[in-house]
Amino acid sequence: MEIADLDIRELIGAIGSALVPVVFKGVGKKPTPQAVRERLRLNAEIMGRLAAVLYGGEKTGPELIELIDLFTAHMQVEYSGAMKGFLGPEGELSRLRNPQRDAG
C-alpha cells in the first residue's frame, strides 16, 4: 500500500483534527481575536505544507516547493473565510466571551 492508495482528504482531515490541540495549546480559555488569528495562520501554514507533501507523493525538488506555496496559500484563504463568522464584533468568539449579550 502507498500514500496514493489512501483518501488524501480523509487523511488531511484526521491530521488537521489532531493538529488543532497542539497549535492552540496555551491560548487560554478566553483567547483574543488576535491570538486566534495568529494560531489559525500557523495552522494553515502547517496544513498547507502537509497537504502539499501528501498530494505530491513521490515528488521532490522545485515541484514540491511550488505545491507547498499553492497549498499553503489555499489553506490561508480557506481558514480566513471559515473564521469570518467566528471573529469580529458579532462573531461566535464574542458571543462565547459575552454570553449575557445574547441572553438580554
Protein backbone atom coordinates (compact mmCIF):
# COMPACT_ATOMS: atom_id res chain seq x y z
CA MET A 1 0.00 0.00 0.00
CA GLU A 2 1.17 3.54 -0.76
CA ILE A 3 0.09 7.05 0.22
CA ALA A 4 -1.64 7.39 -3.15
CA ASP A 5 -3.91 4.48 -2.16
CA LEU A 6 -5.33 6.47 0.78
CA ASP A 7 -8.13 9.00 0.68
CA ILE A 8 -5.99 12.14 0.93
CA ARG A 9 -8.93 14.35 2.01
CA GLU A 10 -9.73 11.96 4.85
CA LEU A 11 -6.08 11.78 5.86
CA ILE A 12 -5.72 15.58 5.86
CA GLY A 13 -8.92 15.88 7.91
CA ALA A 14 -7.58 13.45 10.51
CA ILE A 15 -4.23 15.23 10.68
CA GLY A 16 -6.00 18.60 10.96
CA SER A 17 -8.10 17.37 13.86
CA ALA A 18 -5.01 16.09 15.66
CA LEU A 19 -3.08 19.30 14.98
CA VAL A 20 -5.59 21.79 16.45
CA PRO A 21 -4.99 20.93 20.13
CA VAL A 22 -1.23 21.27 19.62
CA VAL A 23 -1.40 24.59 17.76
CA PHE A 24 -3.93 26.10 20.16
CA LYS A 25 -2.26 24.77 23.32
CA GLY A 26 -1.72 27.56 25.83
CA VAL A 27 -4.01 30.05 24.11
CA GLY A 28 -6.25 30.11 27.19
CA LYS A 29 -9.96 29.80 27.84
CA LYS A 30 -10.71 33.33 26.62
CA PRO A 31 -8.42 33.92 23.66
CA THR A 32 -8.26 37.30 21.98
CA PRO A 33 -9.23 37.52 18.31
CA GLN A 34 -5.60 38.34 17.50
CA ALA A 35 -4.40 35.17 19.26
CA VAL A 36 -6.96 33.09 17.36
CA ARG A 37 -5.93 34.64 14.03
CA GLU A 38 -2.25 34.05 14.80
CA ARG A 39 -2.84 30.40 15.63
CA LEU A 40 -5.06 29.94 12.58
CA ARG A 41 -2.37 31.35 10.30
CA LEU A 42 0.11 28.92 11.84
CA ASN A 43 -2.35 26.04 11.50
CA ALA A 44 -2.99 26.91 7.84
CA GLU A 45 0.76 27.08 7.17
CA ILE A 46 1.34 23.64 8.70
CA MET A 47 -1.68 22.09 6.99
CA GLY A 48 -0.70 23.58 3.64
CA ARG A 49 2.76 22.10 3.89
CA LEU A 50 1.46 18.70 4.96
CA ALA A 51 -1.20 18.64 2.25
CA ALA A 52 1.36 19.54 -0.42
CA VAL A 53 3.73 16.77 0.64
CA LEU A 54 0.91 14.22 0.77
CA TYR A 55 -0.53 15.33 -2.55
CA GLY A 56 2.93 15.42 -4.16
CA GLY A 57 3.55 11.79 -3.30
CA GLU A 58 6.97 10.89 -4.67
CA LYS A 59 7.72 14.38 -6.00
CA THR A 60 10.69 16.25 -4.60
CA GLY A 61 12.55 19.38 -5.61
CA PRO A 62 11.10 22.55 -7.15
CA GLU A 63 7.76 20.87 -7.92
CA LEU A 64 7.20 20.26 -4.23
CA ILE A 65 8.09 23.84 -3.33
CA GLU A 66 5.50 25.07 -5.84
CA LEU A 67 2.91 22.71 -4.32
CA ILE A 68 3.74 23.93 -0.81
CA ASP A 69 3.24 27.55 -1.90
CA LEU A 70 -0.02 26.69 -3.65
CA PHE A 71 -1.49 24.60 -0.84
CA THR A 72 -0.39 27.00 1.90
CA ALA A 73 -2.00 29.94 0.09
CA HIS A 74 -5.16 27.89 -0.41
CA MET A 75 -5.30 26.90 3.27
CA GLN A 76 -4.83 30.54 4.34
CA VAL A 77 -7.80 31.59 2.17
CA GLU A 78 -9.98 28.70 3.39
CA TYR A 79 -9.20 29.31 7.06
CA SER A 80 -9.72 33.04 6.69
CA GLY A 81 -13.12 32.57 5.08
CA ALA A 82 -14.22 29.98 7.61
CA MET A 83 -13.27 32.20 10.53
CA LYS A 84 -15.09 35.36 9.43
CA GLY A 85 -18.17 34.21 11.31
CA PHE A 86 -16.14 33.37 14.38
CA LEU A 87 -14.10 36.55 14.77
CA GLY A 88 -15.37 40.12 14.83
CA PRO A 89 -17.80 42.15 16.93
CA GLU A 90 -20.79 39.87 16.29
CA GLY A 91 -18.85 36.63 15.77
CA GLU A 92 -19.08 33.44 17.76
CA LEU A 93 -15.98 34.31 19.81
CA SER A 94 -17.66 37.50 21.00
CA ARG A 95 -20.78 35.55 21.95
CA LEU A 96 -18.72 32.97 23.83
CA ARG A 97 -16.90 35.70 25.73
CA ASN A 98 -20.06 37.71 26.46
CA PRO A 99 -22.95 35.25 26.97
CA GLN A 100 -25.04 37.94 28.71
CA ARG A 101 -25.34 39.87 25.44
CA ASP A 102 -27.31 37.04 23.81
CA ALA A 103 -29.48 36.49 26.91
CA GLY A 104 -30.54 40.15 27.06
